[in-house]
Amino acid sequence: MADMWVVVPQGQRQTTELAPNGTGFVSVWEITYRVTSGPAAGTVGTFRIPADLYTADAVRDGIDAAVAALHDVASL
């Protein structure tokens, strides 16, 4: 499904946020993507992933899942 979306140029940034357990902070990557084809074409979204899980495979899988949901909703 990665052929249905692209990472927006300069669409990656690392940020810090409160840890899920509420104590301390964690680094998170935010990746902005644009859907290029299918029912949700033109939609722009942001996928967030903890820095320690940030790999091409993990980002691809996460964005693929998000785009699949966008296509499902856009098809209603």
C-alpha atoms as a PDB file:
ATOM      1  CA  MET A   1       0.000   0.000   0.000  1.00  0.00           C
ATOM      2  CA  ALA A   2       3.023   2.328   0.275  1.00  0.00           C
ATOM      3  CA  ASP A   3       2.459   3.181  -3.390  1.00  0.00           C
ATOM      4  CA  MET A   4      -0.709   5.067  -2.311  1.00  0.00           C
ATOM      5  CA  TRP A   5       1.017   7.647  -0.116  1.00  0.00           C
ATOM      6  CA  VAL A   6       4.220   9.686   0.207  1.00  0.00           C
ATOM      7  CA  VAL A   7       6.049  11.264   3.092  1.00  0.00           C
ATOM      8  CA  VAL A   8       5.738  15.019   2.640  1.00  0.00           C
ATOM      9  CA  PRO A   9       9.102  16.702   1.902  1.00  0.00           C
ATOM     10  CA  GLN A  10      10.509  17.979   5.178  1.00  0.00           C
ATOM     11  CA  GLY A  11       7.634  16.138   6.840  1.00  0.00           C
ATOM     12  CA  GLN A  12       9.597  14.503   9.651  1.00  0.00           C
ATOM     13  CA  ARG A  13      10.366  16.037  12.988  1.00  0.00           C
ATOM     14  CA  GLN A  14      11.431  14.766  16.371  1.00  0.00           C
ATOM     15  CA  THR A  15       9.718  16.130  19.438  1.00  0.00           C
ATOM     16  CA  THR A  16       9.447  15.423  23.146  1.00  0.00           C
ATOM     17  CA  GLU A  17       6.229  14.684  25.005  1.00  0.00           C
ATOM     18  CA  LEU A  18       5.063  13.513  28.385  1.00  0.00           C
ATOM     19  CA  ALA A  19       5.535   9.757  28.831  1.00  0.00           C
ATOM     20  CA  PRO A  20       2.348   7.636  28.691  1.00  0.00           C
ATOM     21  CA  ASN A  21       2.683   6.799  32.397  1.00  0.00           C
ATOM     22  CA  GLY A  22       2.777  10.526  33.208  1.00  0.00           C
ATOM     23  CA  THR A  23       6.277  10.567  34.658  1.00  0.00           C
ATOM     24  CA  GLY A  24       9.138  11.882  32.578  1.00  0.00           C
ATOM     25  CA  PHE A  25       9.401  12.565  28.880  1.00  0.00           C
ATOM     26  CA  VAL A  26       9.914  10.509  25.714  1.00  0.00           C
ATOM     27  CA  SER A  27      11.182  11.348  22.232  1.00  0.00           C
ATOM     28  CA  VAL A  28       8.653  10.899  19.435  1.00  0.00           C
ATOM     29  CA  TRP A  29       8.942  11.201  15.662  1.00  0.00           C
ATOM     30  CA  GLU A  30       6.064  12.844  13.771  1.00  0.00           C
ATOM     31  CA  ILE A  31       5.901  11.931  10.083  1.00  0.00           C
ATOM     32  CA  THR A  32       3.548  13.867   7.807  1.00  0.00           C
ATOM     33  CA  TYR A  33       2.225  11.968   4.794  1.00  0.00           C
ATOM     34  CA  ARG A  34      -0.139  12.663   1.903  1.00  0.00           C
ATOM     35  CA  VAL A  35      -2.439  10.082   0.328  1.00  0.00           C
ATOM     36  CA  THR A  36      -1.790  10.081  -3.439  1.00  0.00           C
ATOM     37  CA  SER A  37      -4.448   7.709  -4.781  1.00  0.00           C
ATOM     38  CA  GLY A  38      -7.618   5.867  -3.866  1.00  0.00           C
ATOM     39  CA  PRO A  39     -10.781   7.112  -2.146  1.00  0.00           C
ATOM     40  CA  ALA A  40      -8.846   9.250   0.373  1.00  0.00           C
ATOM     41  CA  ALA A  41      -6.513  10.852  -2.223  1.00  0.00           C
ATOM     42  CA  GLY A  42      -5.398  14.322  -1.129  1.00  0.00           C
ATOM     43  CA  THR A  43      -5.777  13.629   2.580  1.00  0.00           C
ATOM     44  CA  VAL A  44      -2.817  14.688   4.727  1.00  0.00           C
ATOM     45  CA  GLY A  45      -2.106  12.951   8.024  1.00  0.00           C
ATOM     46  CA  THR A  46       0.524  12.662  10.720  1.00  0.00           C
ATOM     47  CA  PHE A  47       1.861   9.375  12.030  1.00  0.00           C
ATOM     48  CA  ARG A  48       3.566   9.454  15.438  1.00  0.00           C
ATOM     49  CA  ILE A  49       6.026   6.827  16.647  1.00  0.00           C
ATOM     50  CA  PRO A  50       8.330   6.623  19.677  1.00  0.00           C
ATOM     51  CA  ALA A  51      11.939   7.352  18.717  1.00  0.00           C
ATOM     52  CA  ASP A  52      13.110   3.944  19.948  1.00  0.00           C
ATOM     53  CA  LEU A  53      10.714   2.235  17.467  1.00  0.00           C
ATOM     54  CA  TYR A  54      11.514   4.547  14.530  1.00  0.00           C
ATOM     55  CA  THR A  55      12.504   2.367  11.559  1.00  0.00           C
ATOM     56  CA  ALA A  56      11.463   2.417   7.912  1.00  0.00           C
ATOM     57  CA  ASP A  57       9.495  -0.821   8.357  1.00  0.00           C
ATOM     58  CA  ALA A  58       7.635   0.405  11.441  1.00  0.00           C
ATOM     59  CA  VAL A  59       6.758   3.733   9.839  1.00  0.00           C
ATOM     60  CA  ARG A  60       5.632   2.042   6.597  1.00  0.00           C
ATOM     61  CA  ASP A  61       3.427  -0.412   8.511  1.00  0.00           C
ATOM     62  CA  GLY A  62       1.897   2.349  10.630  1.00  0.00           C
ATOM     63  CA  ILE A  63       1.157   4.655   7.719  1.00  0.00           C
ATOM     64  CA  ASP A  64      -0.212   1.743   5.667  1.00  0.00           C
ATOM     65  CA  ALA A  65      -2.678   0.991   8.487  1.00  0.00           C
ATOM     66  CA  ALA A  66      -3.677   4.651   8.797  1.00  0.00           C
ATOM     67  CA  VAL A  67      -4.201   4.992   5.036  1.00  0.00           C
ATOM     68  CA  ALA A  68      -6.295   1.809   4.951  1.00  0.00           C
ATOM     69  CA  ALA A  69      -8.596   3.311   7.595  1.00  0.00           C
ATOM     70  CA  LEU A  70      -8.772   6.613   5.676  1.00  0.00           C
ATOM     71  CA  HIS A  71      -9.771   4.763   2.504  1.00  0.00           C
ATOM     72  CA  ASP A  72     -12.433   2.775   4.381  1.00  0.00           C
ATOM     73  CA  VAL A  73     -14.015   5.931   5.789  1.00  0.00           C
ATOM     74  CA  ALA A  74     -13.743   7.852   2.520  1.00  0.00           C
ATOM     75  CA  SER A  75     -15.556   4.978   0.799  1.00  0.00           C
ATOM     76  CA  LEU A  76     -18.660   5.298   2.989  1.00  0.00           C
END
